[in-house]
Amino acid sequence: MTKKNLSKPRLGRHSSDTPSVNPFTRNALASDLTWLPDMMAVGKPPLTAEGYIQAYLADPGEWYWSTSLLHHSREIALKRVFAIVEQARLPDHEEALGQLGAGPLEDMMSEELLDHLQHWLPFTPAMRYALGQVRMSSEPPVLQQRLNAMFLR
């Protein structure tokens, strides 16, 4: 009989029997609204998720700050980006989707981002458009290939 070494947990494995919840899925974004901007901090009434998303889509130039990595953590910015893209429709929201692609999605492009994007496959036309605005030419070939493979699903 062999003994298991319990002193070193394996990387990538959860020690609990309950699966971890990915905070970047559609369901997680709908149930946890901590990603909404704190409008009361700037003296404005609080926003609902729908109110925020519609305001962003209607005037992305006014709301660009809400997805900026200069002002927010990667986690908050990514949750906002995913929530906005989920509600966006083409061709009406091309400006907003372009801003999200060339801005926060490009800034966050990494294996980690692609891992989160796995939960959004197959991509909607809006997600395809936003990701199509990401300048991938400076990214490593393996990252480029992985994103291209995701587009084919």
N, C-alpha and C. Protein backbone atom coordinates (compact mmCIF):
# COMPACT_ATOMS: atom_id res chain seq x y z
N MET A 1 0.84 -1.17 0.00
CA MET A 1 0.00 0.00 0.00
C MET A 1 0.89 1.24 0.00
N THR A 2 0.60 2.20 -0.88
CA THR A 2 1.38 3.43 -0.94
C THR A 2 0.66 4.53 -0.20
N LYS A 3 1.44 5.40 0.38
CA LYS A 3 0.88 6.54 1.09
C LYS A 3 0.87 7.73 0.16
N LYS A 4 -0.18 8.51 0.23
CA LYS A 4 -0.24 9.75 -0.52
C LYS A 4 0.43 10.84 0.29
N ASN A 5 1.15 11.68 -0.40
CA ASN A 5 1.77 12.82 0.25
C ASN A 5 0.74 13.94 0.30
N LEU A 6 0.13 14.13 1.46
CA LEU A 6 -0.91 15.14 1.61
C LEU A 6 -0.35 16.50 2.00
N SER A 7 0.95 16.58 2.21
CA SER A 7 1.53 17.85 2.63
C SER A 7 1.66 18.85 1.49
N LYS A 8 1.68 18.36 0.25
CA LYS A 8 1.82 19.24 -0.91
C LYS A 8 0.61 19.11 -1.81
N PRO A 9 -0.30 20.08 -1.77
CA PRO A 9 -1.44 19.99 -2.69
C PRO A 9 -0.97 20.15 -4.12
N ARG A 10 -1.60 19.42 -5.03
CA ARG A 10 -1.24 19.51 -6.44
C ARG A 10 -1.77 20.80 -7.03
N LEU A 11 -0.97 21.40 -7.87
CA LEU A 11 -1.42 22.60 -8.56
C LEU A 11 -2.53 22.25 -9.51
N GLY A 12 -3.50 23.15 -9.60
CA GLY A 12 -4.59 22.94 -10.53
C GLY A 12 -5.66 22.01 -10.01
N ARG A 13 -5.50 21.50 -8.83
CA ARG A 13 -6.48 20.59 -8.25
C ARG A 13 -7.13 21.28 -7.06
N HIS A 14 -8.40 21.03 -6.87
CA HIS A 14 -9.11 21.59 -5.74
C HIS A 14 -9.17 20.54 -4.65
N SER A 15 -8.91 20.94 -3.42
CA SER A 15 -8.92 19.99 -2.33
C SER A 15 -10.34 19.75 -1.83
N SER A 16 -11.27 20.56 -2.22
CA SER A 16 -12.65 20.42 -1.81
C SER A 16 -13.42 19.56 -2.81
N ASP A 17 -14.48 18.94 -2.35
CA ASP A 17 -15.32 18.15 -3.24
C ASP A 17 -16.24 19.01 -4.08
N THR A 18 -16.42 20.27 -3.68
CA THR A 18 -17.29 21.16 -4.44
C THR A 18 -16.50 21.85 -5.52
N PRO A 19 -17.02 21.89 -6.74
CA PRO A 19 -16.28 22.54 -7.81
C PRO A 19 -16.23 24.04 -7.59
N SER A 20 -15.12 24.65 -8.01
CA SER A 20 -15.00 26.10 -7.88
C SER A 20 -15.90 26.76 -8.91
N VAL A 21 -16.38 27.93 -8.57
CA VAL A 21 -17.26 28.68 -9.46
C VAL A 21 -16.42 29.70 -10.20
N ASN A 22 -16.51 29.69 -11.51
CA ASN A 22 -15.78 30.68 -12.30
C ASN A 22 -16.56 31.98 -12.25
N PRO A 23 -15.95 33.06 -11.74
CA PRO A 23 -16.67 34.33 -11.59
C PRO A 23 -16.91 35.06 -12.91
N PHE A 24 -16.45 34.51 -14.03
CA PHE A 24 -16.57 35.19 -15.31
C PHE A 24 -17.60 34.55 -16.25
N THR A 25 -18.42 33.67 -15.74
CA THR A 25 -19.46 33.06 -16.57
C THR A 25 -20.71 33.94 -16.57
N ARG A 26 -21.60 33.68 -17.50
CA ARG A 26 -22.85 34.44 -17.58
C ARG A 26 -23.63 34.36 -16.28
N ASN A 27 -23.77 33.16 -15.73
CA ASN A 27 -24.53 32.98 -14.50
C ASN A 27 -23.89 33.70 -13.32
N ALA A 28 -22.58 33.64 -13.22
CA ALA A 28 -21.89 34.30 -12.12
C ALA A 28 -22.05 35.81 -12.20
N LEU A 29 -21.97 36.36 -13.41
CA LEU A 29 -22.14 37.81 -13.58
C LEU A 29 -23.54 38.25 -13.21
N ALA A 30 -24.52 37.42 -13.50
CA ALA A 30 -25.91 37.77 -13.21
C ALA A 30 -26.21 37.68 -11.71
N SER A 31 -25.54 36.78 -11.02
CA SER A 31 -25.85 36.58 -9.61
C SER A 31 -24.99 37.41 -8.66
N ASP A 32 -23.85 37.88 -9.09
CA ASP A 32 -22.96 38.69 -8.25
C ASP A 32 -22.71 40.01 -8.95
N LEU A 33 -23.33 41.06 -8.48
CA LEU A 33 -23.26 42.36 -9.15
C LEU A 33 -22.24 43.30 -8.51
N THR A 34 -21.25 42.76 -7.84
CA THR A 34 -20.22 43.60 -7.23
C THR A 34 -19.36 44.31 -8.27
N TRP A 35 -19.50 43.92 -9.53
CA TRP A 35 -18.73 44.53 -10.61
C TRP A 35 -19.32 45.85 -11.09
N LEU A 36 -20.53 46.17 -10.65
CA LEU A 36 -21.16 47.43 -11.08
C LEU A 36 -20.38 48.64 -10.54
N PRO A 37 -20.29 49.71 -11.31
CA PRO A 37 -19.62 50.92 -10.82
C PRO A 37 -20.37 51.49 -9.61
N ASP A 38 -19.61 52.00 -8.65
CA ASP A 38 -20.19 52.64 -7.47
C ASP A 38 -20.50 54.09 -7.80
N MET A 39 -21.69 54.31 -8.29
CA MET A 39 -22.08 55.65 -8.71
C MET A 39 -22.32 56.57 -7.53
N MET A 40 -22.68 56.01 -6.39
CA MET A 40 -22.91 56.83 -5.21
C MET A 40 -21.62 57.51 -4.75
N ALA A 41 -20.49 56.92 -5.07
CA ALA A 41 -19.20 57.52 -4.70
C ALA A 41 -18.97 58.84 -5.43
N VAL A 42 -19.65 59.02 -6.56
CA VAL A 42 -19.53 60.28 -7.33
C VAL A 42 -20.82 61.09 -7.26
N GLY A 43 -21.65 60.78 -6.25
CA GLY A 43 -22.85 61.56 -6.02
C GLY A 43 -24.00 61.30 -6.98
N LYS A 44 -24.00 60.14 -7.61
CA LYS A 44 -25.08 59.79 -8.54
C LYS A 44 -25.82 58.57 -8.00
N PRO A 45 -27.07 58.42 -8.44
CA PRO A 45 -27.83 57.25 -7.96
C PRO A 45 -27.23 55.95 -8.46
N PRO A 46 -27.41 54.88 -7.68
CA PRO A 46 -26.86 53.58 -8.11
C PRO A 46 -27.50 53.10 -9.41
N LEU A 47 -26.74 52.29 -10.12
CA LEU A 47 -27.21 51.74 -11.39
C LEU A 47 -27.52 50.26 -11.23
N THR A 48 -28.51 49.82 -11.98
CA THR A 48 -28.74 48.39 -12.11
C THR A 48 -27.77 47.88 -13.17
N ALA A 49 -27.63 46.58 -13.26
CA ALA A 49 -26.77 46.00 -14.30
C ALA A 49 -27.27 46.42 -15.67
N GLU A 50 -28.57 46.31 -15.89
CA GLU A 50 -29.14 46.69 -17.18
C GLU A 50 -28.92 48.18 -17.46
N GLY A 51 -29.10 49.02 -16.46
CA GLY A 51 -28.90 50.46 -16.63
C GLY A 51 -27.47 50.79 -17.01
N TYR A 52 -26.52 50.16 -16.33
CA TYR A 52 -25.11 50.39 -16.64
C TYR A 52 -24.77 49.93 -18.05
N ILE A 53 -25.17 48.73 -18.39
CA ILE A 53 -24.85 48.18 -19.70
C ILE A 53 -25.44 49.03 -20.82
N GLN A 54 -26.69 49.42 -20.66
CA GLN A 54 -27.34 50.24 -21.69
C GLN A 54 -26.69 51.62 -21.79
N ALA A 55 -26.28 52.19 -20.66
CA ALA A 55 -25.60 53.48 -20.69
C ALA A 55 -24.27 53.37 -21.42
N TYR A 56 -23.52 52.29 -21.16
CA TYR A 56 -22.24 52.08 -21.83
C TYR A 56 -22.45 51.92 -23.33
N LEU A 57 -23.40 51.08 -23.70
CA LEU A 57 -23.64 50.82 -25.12
C LEU A 57 -24.11 52.08 -25.85
N ALA A 58 -24.86 52.94 -25.17
CA ALA A 58 -25.38 54.15 -25.79
C ALA A 58 -24.30 55.21 -25.96
N ASP A 59 -23.33 55.24 -25.04
CA ASP A 59 -22.30 56.27 -25.09
C ASP A 59 -20.98 55.75 -24.52
N PRO A 60 -20.29 54.89 -25.27
CA PRO A 60 -19.05 54.29 -24.76
C PRO A 60 -17.98 55.32 -24.42
N GLY A 61 -17.97 56.45 -25.12
CA GLY A 61 -16.98 57.48 -24.81
C GLY A 61 -17.16 58.06 -23.43
N GLU A 62 -18.39 58.15 -22.99
CA GLU A 62 -18.70 58.67 -21.65
C GLU A 62 -18.36 57.66 -20.56
N TRP A 63 -18.40 56.38 -20.90
CA TRP A 63 -18.24 55.34 -19.90
C TRP A 63 -16.92 54.56 -20.02
N TYR A 64 -16.00 55.01 -20.90
CA TYR A 64 -14.74 54.27 -21.11
C TYR A 64 -14.00 54.00 -19.80
N TRP A 65 -14.07 54.95 -18.87
CA TRP A 65 -13.36 54.83 -17.59
C TRP A 65 -13.78 53.60 -16.80
N SER A 66 -15.00 53.12 -17.03
CA SER A 66 -15.52 52.02 -16.22
C SER A 66 -14.89 50.67 -16.57
N THR A 67 -14.21 50.57 -17.69
CA THR A 67 -13.52 49.33 -18.06
C THR A 67 -12.01 49.53 -18.17
N SER A 68 -11.54 50.67 -17.73
CA SER A 68 -10.12 50.99 -17.80
C SER A 68 -9.34 50.26 -16.72
N LEU A 69 -8.23 49.66 -17.11
CA LEU A 69 -7.35 48.99 -16.14
C LEU A 69 -6.57 50.00 -15.31
N LEU A 70 -6.58 51.25 -15.72
CA LEU A 70 -5.92 52.29 -14.92
C LEU A 70 -6.72 52.60 -13.66
N HIS A 71 -8.03 52.36 -13.72
CA HIS A 71 -8.91 52.72 -12.62
C HIS A 71 -9.49 51.52 -11.88
N HIS A 72 -9.40 50.33 -12.46
CA HIS A 72 -10.06 49.16 -11.89
C HIS A 72 -9.18 47.92 -12.01
N SER A 73 -9.46 46.95 -11.15
CA SER A 73 -8.73 45.68 -11.22
C SER A 73 -9.09 44.95 -12.51
N ARG A 74 -8.23 44.04 -12.90
CA ARG A 74 -8.49 43.22 -14.10
C ARG A 74 -9.80 42.46 -13.94
N GLU A 75 -10.05 41.96 -12.75
CA GLU A 75 -11.26 41.16 -12.51
C GLU A 75 -12.52 42.00 -12.72
N ILE A 76 -12.56 43.17 -12.13
CA ILE A 76 -13.74 44.04 -12.27
C ILE A 76 -13.90 44.47 -13.73
N ALA A 77 -12.81 44.90 -14.35
CA ALA A 77 -12.88 45.34 -15.75
C ALA A 77 -13.37 44.21 -16.65
N LEU A 78 -12.86 43.01 -16.45
CA LEU A 78 -13.25 41.90 -17.30
C LEU A 78 -14.72 41.52 -17.09
N LYS A 79 -15.18 41.55 -15.87
CA LYS A 79 -16.59 41.27 -15.61
C LYS A 79 -17.47 42.29 -16.33
N ARG A 80 -17.09 43.54 -16.27
CA ARG A 80 -17.86 44.58 -16.96
C ARG A 80 -17.84 44.37 -18.47
N VAL A 81 -16.67 44.06 -19.00
CA VAL A 81 -16.54 43.83 -20.45
C VAL A 81 -17.45 42.69 -20.87
N PHE A 82 -17.39 41.57 -20.16
CA PHE A 82 -18.22 40.42 -20.52
C PHE A 82 -19.70 40.75 -20.43
N ALA A 83 -20.10 41.47 -19.39
CA ALA A 83 -21.51 41.82 -19.23
C ALA A 83 -21.99 42.72 -20.37
N ILE A 84 -21.15 43.66 -20.76
CA ILE A 84 -21.51 44.58 -21.85
C ILE A 84 -21.58 43.83 -23.18
N VAL A 85 -20.57 43.04 -23.47
CA VAL A 85 -20.54 42.30 -24.73
C VAL A 85 -21.74 41.36 -24.83
N GLU A 86 -22.12 40.77 -23.72
CA GLU A 86 -23.26 39.85 -23.70
C GLU A 86 -24.55 40.53 -24.18
N GLN A 87 -24.71 41.81 -23.91
CA GLN A 87 -25.93 42.53 -24.28
C GLN A 87 -25.80 43.29 -25.61
N ALA A 88 -24.60 43.42 -26.10
CA ALA A 88 -24.36 44.21 -27.33
C ALA A 88 -24.90 43.50 -28.55
N ARG A 89 -25.34 44.29 -29.51
CA ARG A 89 -25.85 43.76 -30.77
C ARG A 89 -25.22 44.53 -31.92
N LEU A 90 -24.91 43.80 -32.96
CA LEU A 90 -24.35 44.42 -34.17
C LEU A 90 -25.48 44.73 -35.13
N PRO A 91 -25.41 45.76 -35.88
CA PRO A 91 -24.34 46.75 -36.00
C PRO A 91 -24.49 47.92 -35.03
N ASP A 92 -25.55 47.91 -34.23
CA ASP A 92 -25.85 49.06 -33.36
C ASP A 92 -24.73 49.42 -32.39
N HIS A 93 -23.99 48.45 -31.92
CA HIS A 93 -23.02 48.71 -30.85
C HIS A 93 -21.56 48.52 -31.28
N GLU A 94 -21.29 48.71 -32.56
CA GLU A 94 -19.92 48.54 -33.07
C GLU A 94 -18.92 49.43 -32.33
N GLU A 95 -19.29 50.67 -32.06
CA GLU A 95 -18.37 51.59 -31.38
C GLU A 95 -17.99 51.05 -30.00
N ALA A 96 -18.98 50.64 -29.24
CA ALA A 96 -18.71 50.13 -27.89
C ALA A 96 -17.87 48.85 -27.95
N LEU A 97 -18.21 47.95 -28.85
CA LEU A 97 -17.47 46.70 -28.98
C LEU A 97 -16.04 46.94 -29.45
N GLY A 98 -15.87 47.89 -30.35
CA GLY A 98 -14.52 48.24 -30.81
C GLY A 98 -13.68 48.80 -29.68
N GLN A 99 -14.29 49.64 -28.88
CA GLN A 99 -13.59 50.24 -27.73
C GLN A 99 -13.19 49.16 -26.72
N LEU A 100 -14.07 48.20 -26.48
CA LEU A 100 -13.76 47.13 -25.53
C LEU A 100 -12.67 46.21 -26.07
N GLY A 101 -12.70 45.95 -27.38
CA GLY A 101 -11.69 45.08 -27.98
C GLY A 101 -10.31 45.73 -28.01
N ALA A 102 -10.26 46.94 -28.52
CA ALA A 102 -8.97 47.64 -28.66
C ALA A 102 -8.47 48.19 -27.33
N GLY A 103 -9.31 48.17 -26.32
CA GLY A 103 -8.94 48.68 -25.00
C GLY A 103 -8.68 47.54 -24.03
N PRO A 104 -9.63 47.26 -23.15
CA PRO A 104 -9.37 46.29 -22.08
C PRO A 104 -9.10 44.87 -22.56
N LEU A 105 -9.78 44.39 -23.60
CA LEU A 105 -9.49 43.03 -24.06
C LEU A 105 -8.08 42.92 -24.61
N GLU A 106 -7.65 43.92 -25.34
CA GLU A 106 -6.27 43.91 -25.86
C GLU A 106 -5.27 43.99 -24.71
N ASP A 107 -5.55 44.85 -23.74
CA ASP A 107 -4.65 45.01 -22.59
C ASP A 107 -4.55 43.74 -21.75
N MET A 108 -5.62 42.96 -21.72
CA MET A 108 -5.64 41.76 -20.89
C MET A 108 -5.34 40.48 -21.66
N MET A 109 -5.04 40.59 -22.96
CA MET A 109 -4.83 39.39 -23.77
C MET A 109 -3.73 38.54 -23.15
N SER A 110 -4.09 37.31 -22.84
CA SER A 110 -3.18 36.37 -22.18
C SER A 110 -3.81 34.99 -22.18
N GLU A 111 -3.06 34.01 -21.75
CA GLU A 111 -3.60 32.66 -21.58
C GLU A 111 -4.75 32.70 -20.58
N GLU A 112 -4.61 33.51 -19.53
CA GLU A 112 -5.66 33.61 -18.52
C GLU A 112 -6.96 34.13 -19.13
N LEU A 113 -6.88 35.15 -19.97
CA LEU A 113 -8.08 35.67 -20.62
C LEU A 113 -8.71 34.59 -21.50
N LEU A 114 -7.90 33.89 -22.26
CA LEU A 114 -8.44 32.84 -23.12
C LEU A 114 -9.07 31.72 -22.29
N ASP A 115 -8.51 31.44 -21.13
CA ASP A 115 -9.14 30.46 -20.23
C ASP A 115 -10.54 30.92 -19.84
N HIS A 116 -10.69 32.20 -19.52
CA HIS A 116 -12.01 32.73 -19.16
C HIS A 116 -12.95 32.73 -20.36
N LEU A 117 -12.42 33.01 -21.53
CA LEU A 117 -13.25 33.04 -22.73
C LEU A 117 -13.79 31.66 -23.11
N GLN A 118 -13.17 30.59 -22.63
CA GLN A 118 -13.66 29.23 -22.90
C GLN A 118 -15.13 29.09 -22.49
N HIS A 119 -15.52 29.81 -21.43
CA HIS A 119 -16.88 29.72 -20.91
C HIS A 119 -17.89 30.46 -21.79
N TRP A 120 -17.40 31.18 -22.79
CA TRP A 120 -18.27 31.97 -23.66
C TRP A 120 -18.37 31.39 -25.06
N LEU A 121 -17.83 30.18 -25.24
CA LEU A 121 -17.90 29.52 -26.54
C LEU A 121 -19.26 28.87 -26.74
N PRO A 122 -19.77 28.82 -27.94
CA PRO A 122 -19.26 29.52 -29.11
C PRO A 122 -19.50 31.02 -28.95
N PHE A 123 -18.60 31.80 -29.53
CA PHE A 123 -18.69 33.25 -29.42
C PHE A 123 -19.90 33.80 -30.16
N THR A 124 -20.54 34.78 -29.55
CA THR A 124 -21.62 35.50 -30.22
C THR A 124 -20.98 36.42 -31.27
N PRO A 125 -21.77 36.92 -32.22
CA PRO A 125 -21.22 37.89 -33.17
C PRO A 125 -20.60 39.10 -32.46
N ALA A 126 -21.19 39.54 -31.37
CA ALA A 126 -20.65 40.70 -30.64
C ALA A 126 -19.28 40.37 -30.04
N MET A 127 -19.12 39.19 -29.45
CA MET A 127 -17.83 38.81 -28.87
C MET A 127 -16.80 38.65 -29.98
N ARG A 128 -17.19 38.06 -31.09
CA ARG A 128 -16.27 37.93 -32.23
C ARG A 128 -15.79 39.29 -32.71
N TYR A 129 -16.72 40.24 -32.79
CA TYR A 129 -16.36 41.57 -33.25
C TYR A 129 -15.38 42.23 -32.27
N ALA A 130 -15.69 42.16 -30.97
CA ALA A 130 -14.83 42.78 -29.97
C ALA A 130 -13.43 42.14 -30.00
N LEU A 131 -13.37 40.83 -30.04
CA LEU A 131 -12.07 40.15 -30.08
C LEU A 131 -11.35 40.40 -31.39
N GLY A 132 -12.10 40.65 -32.45
CA GLY A 132 -11.49 40.98 -33.74
C GLY A 132 -10.79 42.32 -33.74
N GLN A 133 -11.08 43.15 -32.75
CA GLN A 133 -10.44 44.47 -32.65
C GLN A 133 -9.13 44.41 -31.86
N VAL A 134 -8.86 43.27 -31.26
CA VAL A 134 -7.62 43.10 -30.49
C VAL A 134 -6.47 42.93 -31.47
N ARG A 135 -5.44 43.73 -31.28
CA ARG A 135 -4.25 43.66 -32.13
C ARG A 135 -3.42 42.46 -31.66
N MET A 136 -3.49 41.36 -32.40
CA MET A 136 -2.82 40.12 -31.99
C MET A 136 -1.42 39.98 -32.57
N SER A 137 -1.02 40.84 -33.49
CA SER A 137 0.27 40.68 -34.17
C SER A 137 1.46 40.73 -33.22
N SER A 138 1.32 41.38 -32.08
CA SER A 138 2.44 41.45 -31.14
C SER A 138 2.36 40.36 -30.07
N GLU A 139 1.33 39.53 -30.13
CA GLU A 139 1.18 38.45 -29.15
C GLU A 139 1.97 37.22 -29.60
N PRO A 140 2.36 36.36 -28.65
CA PRO A 140 3.08 35.14 -29.02
C PRO A 140 2.24 34.27 -29.97
N PRO A 141 2.91 33.57 -30.89
CA PRO A 141 2.18 32.73 -31.85
C PRO A 141 1.24 31.72 -31.19
N VAL A 142 1.64 31.15 -30.07
CA VAL A 142 0.79 30.17 -29.41
C VAL A 142 -0.53 30.79 -28.96
N LEU A 143 -0.49 32.04 -28.52
CA LEU A 143 -1.70 32.75 -28.12
C LEU A 143 -2.57 33.06 -29.34
N GLN A 144 -1.92 33.49 -30.41
CA GLN A 144 -2.65 33.77 -31.65
C GLN A 144 -3.36 32.51 -32.15
N GLN A 145 -2.66 31.39 -32.13
CA GLN A 145 -3.22 30.13 -32.61
C GLN A 145 -4.39 29.67 -31.73
N ARG A 146 -4.23 29.85 -30.44
CA ARG A 146 -5.30 29.43 -29.52
C ARG A 146 -6.57 30.26 -29.74
N LEU A 147 -6.42 31.57 -29.90
CA LEU A 147 -7.60 32.42 -30.15
C LEU A 147 -8.22 32.06 -31.50
N ASN A 148 -7.40 31.85 -32.51
CA ASN A 148 -7.94 31.46 -33.82
C ASN A 148 -8.72 30.16 -33.74
N ALA A 149 -8.23 29.19 -32.97
CA ALA A 149 -8.94 27.94 -32.80
C ALA A 149 -10.27 28.14 -32.09
N MET A 150 -10.32 29.10 -31.17
CA MET A 150 -11.56 29.40 -30.46
C MET A 150 -12.59 30.00 -31.43
N PHE A 151 -12.12 30.80 -32.37
CA PHE A 151 -13.03 31.38 -33.35
C PHE A 151 -13.68 30.31 -34.23
N LEU A 152 -13.01 29.19 -34.40
CA LEU A 152 -13.53 28.13 -35.26
C LEU A 152 -14.58 27.26 -34.57
N ARG A 153 -14.75 27.43 -33.30
CA ARG A 153 -15.74 26.60 -32.57
C ARG A 153 -17.12 27.16 -32.68
